[in-house]
PDB file of N, CA and C in Angstrom:
ATOM      1  N   MET A   1     160.944  -1.198  10.268  1.00  0.00           N
ATOM      2  CA  MET A   1     162.051  -0.593  10.136  1.00  0.00           C
ATOM      3  C   MET A   1     163.056  -0.730  11.781  1.00  0.00           C
ATOM      4  N   SER A   2     164.074  -0.572  11.110  1.00  0.00           N
ATOM      5  CA  SER A   2     164.886  -0.670  12.591  1.00  0.00           C
ATOM      6  C   SER A   2     166.425   0.515  12.305  1.00  0.00           C
ATOM      7  N   ILE A   3     166.808   0.947  13.505  1.00  0.00           N
ATOM      8  CA  ILE A   3     167.615   1.867  13.543  1.00  0.00           C
ATOM      9  C   ILE A   3     168.887   1.197  13.702  1.00  0.00           C
ATOM     10  N   TRP A   4     169.943   1.228  13.122  1.00  0.00           N
ATOM     11  CA  TRP A   4     171.031   0.580  13.888  1.00  0.00           C
ATOM     12  C   TRP A   4     172.088   1.925  14.155  1.00  0.00           C
ATOM     13  N   ILE A   5     172.641   1.256  15.669  1.00  0.00           N
ATOM     14  CA  ILE A   5     173.258   2.274  16.020  1.00  0.00           C
ATOM     15  C   ILE A   5     174.846   1.804  16.050  1.00  0.00           C
ATOM     16  N   ASP A   6     175.867   2.650  15.765  1.00  0.00           N
ATOM     17  CA  ASP A   6     176.941   2.703  15.769  1.00  0.00           C
ATOM     18  C   ASP A   6     177.783   2.319  17.138  1.00  0.00           C
ATOM     19  N   ARG A   7     178.741   1.474  17.631  1.00  0.00           N
ATOM     20  CA  ARG A   7     179.019   1.603  19.103  1.00  0.00           C
ATOM     21  C   ARG A   7     180.570   2.236  18.787  1.00  0.00           C
ATOM     22  N   VAL A   8     180.964   3.069  17.958  1.00  0.00           N
ATOM     23  CA  VAL A   8     181.997   4.265  18.201  1.00  0.00           C
ATOM     24  C   VAL A   8     182.113   5.374  18.510  1.00  0.00           C
ATOM     25  N   GLN A   9     183.096   5.152  19.792  1.00  0.00           N
ATOM     26  CA  GLN A   9     182.159   6.737  20.473  1.00  0.00           C
ATOM     27  C   GLN A   9     183.777   7.730  20.037  1.00  0.00           C
ATOM     28  N   PRO A  10     183.168   9.275  19.896  1.00  0.00           N
ATOM     29  CA  PRO A  10     184.601   9.934  19.864  1.00  0.00           C
ATOM     30  C   PRO A  10     185.647  10.069  21.004  1.00  0.00           C
ATOM     31  N   VAL A  11     186.510  10.580  21.208  1.00  0.00           N
ATOM     32  CA  VAL A  11     187.719  10.233  22.193  1.00  0.00           C
ATOM     33  C   VAL A  11     187.252  11.039  22.851  1.00  0.00           C
ATOM     34  N   SER A  12     186.646  12.713  22.525  1.00  0.00           N
ATOM     35  CA  SER A  12     185.967  13.683  23.272  1.00  0.00           C
ATOM     36  C   SER A  12     185.344  12.922  24.861  1.00  0.00           C
ATOM     37  N   LEU A  13     184.268  11.984  24.005  1.00  0.00           N
ATOM     38  CA  LEU A  13     183.387  11.435  25.337  1.00  0.00           C
ATOM     39  C   LEU A  13     183.809  10.332  25.906  1.00  0.00           C
ATOM     40  N   LEU A  14     185.205   9.952  26.109  1.00  0.00           N
ATOM     41  CA  LEU A  14     185.348   9.029  26.791  1.00  0.00           C
ATOM     42  C   LEU A  14     186.587   9.873  28.207  1.00  0.00           C
ATOM     43  N   ASN A  15     186.120   8.711  29.239  1.00  0.00           N
ATOM     44  CA  ASN A  15     186.494   9.468  30.401  1.00  0.00           C
ATOM     45  C   ASN A  15     187.633   8.754  31.027  1.00  0.00           C
ATOM     46  N   PRO A  16     188.600   9.339  31.376  1.00  0.00           N
ATOM     47  CA  PRO A  16     189.896   8.529  31.819  1.00  0.00           C
ATOM     48  C   PRO A  16     189.554   7.408  32.975  1.00  0.00           C
ATOM     49  N   VAL A  17     190.595   6.368  32.573  1.00  0.00           N
ATOM     50  CA  VAL A  17     190.395   5.203  33.633  1.00  0.00           C
ATOM     51  C   VAL A  17     191.129   5.477  34.962  1.00  0.00           C
ATOM     52  N   ALA A  18     190.179   4.995  36.020  1.00  0.00           N
ATOM     53  CA  ALA A  18     190.687   5.380  37.535  1.00  0.00           C
ATOM     54  C   ALA A  18     192.310   4.320  37.141  1.00  0.00           C
ATOM     55  N   ASN A  19     193.636   5.455  38.147  1.00  0.00           N
ATOM     56  CA  ASN A  19     194.575   4.739  38.373  1.00  0.00           C
ATOM     57  C   ASN A  19     194.542   3.757  39.883  1.00  0.00           C
ATOM     58  N   ASP A  20     193.221   3.408  40.292  1.00  0.00           N
ATOM     59  CA  ASP A  20     193.313   2.841  41.043  1.00  0.00           C
ATOM     60  C   ASP A  20     192.370   1.548  40.894  1.00  0.00           C
ATOM     61  N   PRO A  21     192.829   0.146  41.019  1.00  0.00           N
ATOM     62  CA  PRO A  21     192.386  -1.001  40.507  1.00  0.00           C
ATOM     63  C   PRO A  21     191.112  -0.864  41.718  1.00  0.00           C
ATOM     64  N   LEU A  22     190.735  -0.462  42.656  1.00  0.00           N
ATOM     65  CA  LEU A  22     189.844  -1.097  43.801  1.00  0.00           C
ATOM     66  C   LEU A  22     188.911   0.772  44.353  1.00  0.00           C
ATOM     67  N   ARG A  23     188.041   0.190  44.134  1.00  0.00           N
ATOM     68  CA  ARG A  23     187.174   1.416  44.553  1.00  0.00           C
ATOM     69  C   ARG A  23     187.233   1.557  46.185  1.00  0.00           C
ATOM     70  N   GLY A  24     187.370   3.161  46.005  1.00  0.00           N
ATOM     71  CA  GLY A  24     188.015   3.690  47.832  1.00  0.00           C
ATOM     72  C   GLY A  24     189.000   3.256  47.938  1.00  0.00           C
ATOM     73  N   GLN A  25     189.865   2.552  47.427  1.00  0.00           N
ATOM     74  CA  GLN A  25     191.633   2.566  47.628  1.00  0.00           C
ATOM     75  C   GLN A  25     191.814   4.321  47.949  1.00  0.00           C
ATOM     76  N   LEU A  26     192.688   4.196  49.538  1.00  0.00           N
ATOM     77  CA  LEU A  26     193.137   5.429  49.330  1.00  0.00           C
ATOM     78  C   LEU A  26     194.547   5.450  48.944  1.00  0.00           C
ATOM     79  N   VAL A  27     195.377   5.949  48.549  1.00  0.00           N
ATOM     80  CA  VAL A  27     196.855   6.089  47.625  1.00  0.00           C
ATOM     81  C   VAL A  27     197.051   6.497  49.516  1.00  0.00           C
ATOM     82  N   SER A  28     197.883   6.546  49.803  1.00  0.00           N
ATOM     83  CA  SER A  28     199.085   7.511  51.005  1.00  0.00           C
ATOM     84  C   SER A  28     199.767   8.343  49.821  1.00  0.00           C
ATOM     85  N   PRO A  29     199.876   9.627  49.993  1.00  0.00           N
ATOM     86  CA  PRO A  29     201.050  10.579  49.406  1.00  0.00           C
ATOM     87  C   PRO A  29     202.962  10.076  49.608  1.00  0.00           C
ATOM     88  N   PRO A  30     203.849  10.043  48.556  1.00  0.00           N
ATOM     89  CA  PRO A  30     204.750  10.017  49.227  1.00  0.00           C
ATOM     90  C   PRO A  30     205.145  10.511  50.313  1.00  0.00           C
ATOM     91  N   PRO A  31     206.699  10.083  50.997  1.00  0.00           N
ATOM     92  CA  PRO A  31     206.986  10.969  52.132  1.00  0.00           C
ATOM     93  C   PRO A  31     207.298  12.577  51.841  1.00  0.00           C
ATOM     94  N   LEU A  32     207.638  13.587  52.180  1.00  0.00           N
ATOM     95  CA  LEU A  32     207.942  14.426  52.049  1.00  0.00           C
ATOM     96  C   LEU A  32     209.520  14.431  51.494  1.00  0.00           C
ATOM     97  N   VAL A  33     210.237  15.358  50.957  1.00  0.00           N
ATOM     98  CA  VAL A  33     211.621  15.466  50.976  1.00  0.00           C
ATOM     99  C   VAL A  33     212.318  16.454  52.478  1.00  0.00           C
ATOM    100  N   GLU A  34     213.752  15.827  52.923  1.00  0.00           N
ATOM    101  CA  GLU A  34     213.739  17.119  53.997  1.00  0.00           C
ATOM    102  C   GLU A  34     214.873  18.045  52.713  1.00  0.00           C
ATOM    103  N   VAL A  35     214.816  19.421  53.135  1.00  0.00           N
ATOM    104  CA  VAL A  35     216.099  20.176  52.399  1.00  0.00           C
ATOM    105  C   VAL A  35     215.927  21.383  54.023  1.00  0.00           C
ATOM    106  N   ASP A  36     217.567  20.869  54.006  1.00  0.00           N
ATOM    107  CA  ASP A  36     218.098  22.068  54.704  1.00  0.00           C
ATOM    108  C   ASP A  36     216.815  22.611  55.654  1.00  0.00           C
ATOM    109  N   GLY A  37     216.643  21.315  56.683  1.00  0.00           N
ATOM    110  CA  GLY A  37     215.344  20.995  57.873  1.00  0.00           C
ATOM    111  C   GLY A  37     214.218  21.774  57.181  1.00  0.00           C
ATOM    112  N   GLU A  38     213.967  21.444  56.090  1.00  0.00           N
ATOM    113  CA  GLU A  38     212.761  21.886  55.961  1.00  0.00           C
ATOM    114  C   GLU A  38     212.249  20.993  54.851  1.00  0.00           C
ATOM    115  N   GLU A  39     211.032  20.441  55.125  1.00  0.00           N
ATOM    116  CA  GLU A  39     210.486  19.478  54.715  1.00  0.00           C
ATOM    117  C   GLU A  39     209.803  19.970  52.845  1.00  0.00           C
ATOM    118  N   GLU A  40     210.044  19.560  52.284  1.00  0.00           N
ATOM    119  CA  GLU A  40     208.957  20.189  50.562  1.00  0.00           C
ATOM    120  C   GLU A  40     208.828  18.572  49.900  1.00  0.00           C
ATOM    121  N   TYR A  41     208.237  19.214  48.780  1.00  0.00           N
ATOM    122  CA  TYR A  41     207.605  18.415  47.788  1.00  0.00           C
ATOM    123  C   TYR A  41     208.328  17.933  46.992  1.00  0.00           C
ATOM    124  N   GLN A  42     208.583  17.125  46.108  1.00  0.00           N
ATOM    125  CA  GLN A  42     209.705  17.098  44.875  1.00  0.00           C
ATOM    126  C   GLN A  42     208.600  16.855  43.529  1.00  0.00           C
ATOM    127  N   VAL A  43     209.133  17.870  42.480  1.00  0.00           N
ATOM    128  CA  VAL A  43     208.699  17.833  41.527  1.00  0.00           C
ATOM    129  C   VAL A  43     209.467  16.742  40.628  1.00  0.00           C
ATOM    130  N   SER A  44     208.595  15.790  39.810  1.00  0.00           N
ATOM    131  CA  SER A  44     208.963  15.407  38.668  1.00  0.00           C
ATOM    132  C   SER A  44     209.343  15.894  37.594  1.00  0.00           C
ATOM    133  N   SER A  45     208.692  16.334  36.534  1.00  0.00           N
ATOM    134  CA  SER A  45     209.029  17.148  35.456  1.00  0.00           C
ATOM    135  C   SER A  45     208.160  18.485  35.533  1.00  0.00           C
ATOM    136  N   VAL A  46     208.564  19.604  35.031  1.00  0.00           N
ATOM    137  CA  VAL A  46     207.841  20.320  34.686  1.00  0.00           C
ATOM    138  C   VAL A  46     207.123  20.386  33.173  1.00  0.00           C
ATOM    139  N   GLU A  47     206.000  20.638  32.693  1.00  0.00           N
ATOM    140  CA  GLU A  47     205.193  20.101  31.733  1.00  0.00           C
ATOM    141  C   GLU A  47     205.334  20.926  30.896  1.00  0.00           C
ATOM    142  N   ASP A  48     204.474  22.848  31.223  1.00  0.00           N
ATOM    143  CA  ASP A  48     204.404  23.564  30.991  1.00  0.00           C
ATOM    144  C   ASP A  48     204.663  25.184  31.404  1.00  0.00           C
ATOM    145  N   SER A  49     204.440  25.645  31.025  1.00  0.00           N
ATOM    146  CA  SER A  49     204.918  27.471  31.620  1.00  0.00           C
ATOM    147  C   SER A  49     203.297  27.864  31.093  1.00  0.00           C
ATOM    148  N   ARG A  50     202.865  29.295  31.845  1.00  0.00           N
ATOM    149  CA  ARG A  50     202.081  30.486  30.968  1.00  0.00           C
ATOM    150  C   ARG A  50     202.122  31.684  32.399  1.00  0.00           C
ATOM    151  N   MET A  51     201.787  32.467  31.053  1.00  0.00           N
ATOM    152  CA  MET A  51     201.132  33.614  31.888  1.00  0.00           C
ATOM    153  C   MET A  51     200.030  33.914  32.730  1.00  0.00           C
ATOM    154  N   TYR A  52     199.228  33.728  33.936  1.00  0.00           N
ATOM    155  CA  TYR A  52     198.432  34.245  34.374  1.00  0.00           C
ATOM    156  C   TYR A  52     197.965  35.289  35.266  1.00  0.00           C
ATOM    157  N   ARG A  53     197.688  36.458  34.791  1.00  0.00           N
ATOM    158  CA  ARG A  53     197.261  37.433  35.686  1.00  0.00           C
ATOM    159  C   ARG A  53     198.643  38.005  36.235  1.00  0.00           C
ATOM    160  N   ASN A  54     199.279  38.188  34.946  1.00  0.00           N
ATOM    161  CA  ASN A  54     200.464  38.721  35.361  1.00  0.00           C
ATOM    162  C   ASN A  54     201.518  38.259  35.806  1.00  0.00           C
ATOM    163  N   GLN A  55     201.214  36.991  36.317  1.00  0.00           N
ATOM    164  CA  GLN A  55     202.087  36.010  36.785  1.00  0.00           C
ATOM    165  C   GLN A  55     202.399  34.725  36.487  1.00  0.00           C
ATOM    166  N   LEU A  56     203.582  33.946  36.235  1.00  0.00           N
ATOM    167  CA  LEU A  56     204.589  32.896  35.458  1.00  0.00           C
ATOM    168  C   LEU A  56     203.908  31.946  36.367  1.00  0.00           C
ATOM    169  N   GLN A  57     203.276  30.651  35.752  1.00  0.00           N
ATOM    170  CA  GLN A  57     202.889  29.691  36.323  1.00  0.00           C
ATOM    171  C   GLN A  57     203.359  28.385  35.428  1.00  0.00           C
ATOM    172  N   TYR A  58     203.684  27.167  36.693  1.00  0.00           N
ATOM    173  CA  TYR A  58     204.417  26.149  35.857  1.00  0.00           C
ATOM    174  C   TYR A  58     203.338  25.410  35.941  1.00  0.00           C
ATOM    175  N   LEU A  59     203.127  24.051  35.112  1.00  0.00           N
ATOM    176  CA  LEU A  59     202.580  23.227  35.105  1.00  0.00           C
ATOM    177  C   LEU A  59     203.353  21.672  35.223  1.00  0.00           C
ATOM    178  N   LEU A  60     203.227  21.264  36.996  1.00  0.00           N
ATOM    179  CA  LEU A  60     203.984  20.377  37.833  1.00  0.00           C
ATOM    180  C   LEU A  60     203.429  19.032  37.508  1.00  0.00           C
ATOM    181  N   HIS A  61     204.398  18.018  37.143  1.00  0.00           N
ATOM    182  CA  HIS A  61     203.979  16.734  37.531  1.00  0.00           C
ATOM    183  C   HIS A  61     204.883  16.386  39.069  1.00  0.00           C
ATOM    184  N   TRP A  62     204.038  16.106  39.815  1.00  0.00           N
ATOM    185  CA  TRP A  62     204.569  16.036  41.327  1.00  0.00           C
ATOM    186  C   TRP A  62     205.088  14.251  41.532  1.00  0.00           C
ATOM    187  N   THR A  63     206.216  14.062  41.911  1.00  0.00           N
ATOM    188  CA  THR A  63     206.433  12.519  42.135  1.00  0.00           C
ATOM    189  C   THR A  63     205.425  12.040  43.298  1.00  0.00           C
ATOM    190  N   GLY A  64     205.052  10.980  42.661  1.00  0.00           N
ATOM    191  CA  GLY A  64     204.157  10.127  43.454  1.00  0.00           C
ATOM    192  C   GLY A  64     202.563  10.105  43.554  1.00  0.00           C
ATOM    193  N   TYR A  65     202.243  11.820  42.641  1.00  0.00           N
ATOM    194  CA  TYR A  65     201.101  12.065  41.879  1.00  0.00           C
ATOM    195  C   TYR A  65     200.721  11.108  40.540  1.00  0.00           C
ATOM    196  N   ASP A  66     199.508  11.272  40.533  1.00  0.00           N
ATOM    197  CA  ASP A  66     198.786  11.087  38.782  1.00  0.00           C
ATOM    198  C   ASP A  66     198.582  12.228  38.401  1.00  0.00           C
ATOM    199  N   SER A  67     197.840  13.248  38.798  1.00  0.00           N
ATOM    200  CA  SER A  67     197.345  14.680  38.713  1.00  0.00           C
ATOM    201  C   SER A  67     198.757  15.652  38.195  1.00  0.00           C
ATOM    202  N   LEU A  68     198.213  16.388  37.689  1.00  0.00           N
ATOM    203  CA  LEU A  68     198.721  17.891  36.826  1.00  0.00           C
ATOM    204  C   LEU A  68     198.286  18.922  38.185  1.00  0.00           C
ATOM    205  N   THR A  69     199.517  19.869  38.974  1.00  0.00           N
ATOM    206  CA  THR A  69     198.575  21.454  39.169  1.00  0.00           C
ATOM    207  C   THR A  69     199.711  22.793  38.430  1.00  0.00           C
ATOM    208  N   TRP A  70     198.742  23.419  38.159  1.00  0.00           N
ATOM    209  CA  TRP A  70     199.606  24.951  38.060  1.00  0.00           C
ATOM    210  C   TRP A  70     200.323  25.358  39.437  1.00  0.00           C
ATOM    211  N   GLU A  71     201.710  25.598  39.177  1.00  0.00           N
ATOM    212  CA  GLU A  71     201.734  26.292  40.298  1.00  0.00           C
ATOM    213  C   GLU A  71     202.317  27.883  40.121  1.00  0.00           C
ATOM    214  N   ARG A  72     202.212  28.816  41.094  1.00  0.00           N
ATOM    215  CA  ARG A  72     202.484  30.336  40.717  1.00  0.00           C
ATOM    216  C   ARG A  72     204.074  29.628  40.822  1.00  0.00           C
ATOM    217  N   ALA A  73     205.236  30.472  39.844  1.00  0.00           N
ATOM    218  CA  ALA A  73     206.610  30.791  40.021  1.00  0.00           C
ATOM    219  C   ALA A  73     206.897  31.127  41.602  1.00  0.00           C
ATOM    220  N   LYS A  74     206.734  31.733  41.891  1.00  0.00           N
ATOM    221  CA  LYS A  74     206.818  32.309  43.241  1.00  0.00           C
ATOM    222  C   LYS A  74     206.904  31.184  44.617  1.00  0.00           C
ATOM    223  N   PHE A  75     206.227  30.221  44.523  1.00  0.00           N
ATOM    224  CA  PHE A  75     206.555  29.024  44.836  1.00  0.00           C
ATOM    225  C   PHE A  75     206.927  27.835  44.767  1.00  0.00           C
ATOM    226  N   VAL A  76     207.918  28.096  43.645  1.00  0.00           N
ATOM    227  CA  VAL A  76     208.632  26.879  42.932  1.00  0.00           C
ATOM    228  C   VAL A  76     209.943  27.357  43.435  1.00  0.00           C
ATOM    229  N   ASP A  77     210.564  26.866  44.306  1.00  0.00           N
ATOM    230  CA  ASP A  77     211.917  27.126  44.755  1.00  0.00           C
ATOM    231  C   ASP A  77     213.329  26.250  44.359  1.00  0.00           C
ATOM    232  N   GLY A  78     213.898  26.998  43.267  1.00  0.00           N
ATOM    233  CA  GLY A  78     215.318  26.178  43.011  1.00  0.00           C
ATOM    234  C   GLY A  78     215.069  25.319  42.087  1.00  0.00           C
ATOM    235  N   LEU A  79     213.708  26.239  40.905  1.00  0.00           N
ATOM    236  CA  LEU A  79     213.594  25.007  39.702  1.00  0.00           C
ATOM    237  C   LEU A  79     215.212  24.902  39.054  1.00  0.00           C
ATOM    238  N   GLN A  80     215.808  23.535  39.144  1.00  0.00           N
ATOM    239  CA  GLN A  80     216.957  23.179  38.113  1.00  0.00           C
ATOM    240  C   GLN A  80     216.534  22.209  38.011  1.00  0.00           C
ATOM    241  N   ALA A  81     217.395  21.499  36.516  1.00  0.00           N
ATOM    242  CA  ALA A  81     217.606  20.329  35.608  1.00  0.00           C
ATOM    243  C   ALA A  81     218.068  19.476  36.108  1.00  0.00           C
ATOM    244  N   VAL A  82     217.735  17.969  37.299  1.00  0.00           N
ATOM    245  CA  VAL A  82     218.481  17.183  37.579  1.00  0.00           C
ATOM    246  C   VAL A  82     218.805  16.214  36.636  1.00  0.00           C
ATOM    247  N   GLY A  83     219.780  16.017  36.156  1.00  0.00           N
ATOM    248  CA  GLY A  83     220.306  14.635  34.969  1.00  0.00           C
ATOM    249  C   GLY A  83     220.790  13.619  35.721  1.00  0.00           C
TER     250      GLY A  83
END
């Protein structure tokens, strides 16, 4: 008697592929943007928003980075749509 195991795996068990093809490769962050004499990071897009502990937060995609981060609205200065 033998057991046959299907090779299909649910999507929930899959891990995302690494964005860097070389193990240990360090990707330097993009240069900061200088606005009115102060250095700032540039937001590529706002993906979502939420209320967390009575504070508004935005899910941001930063220019030059792959991951998304939740940031408090008071730290996001001058959120404007640029077309």
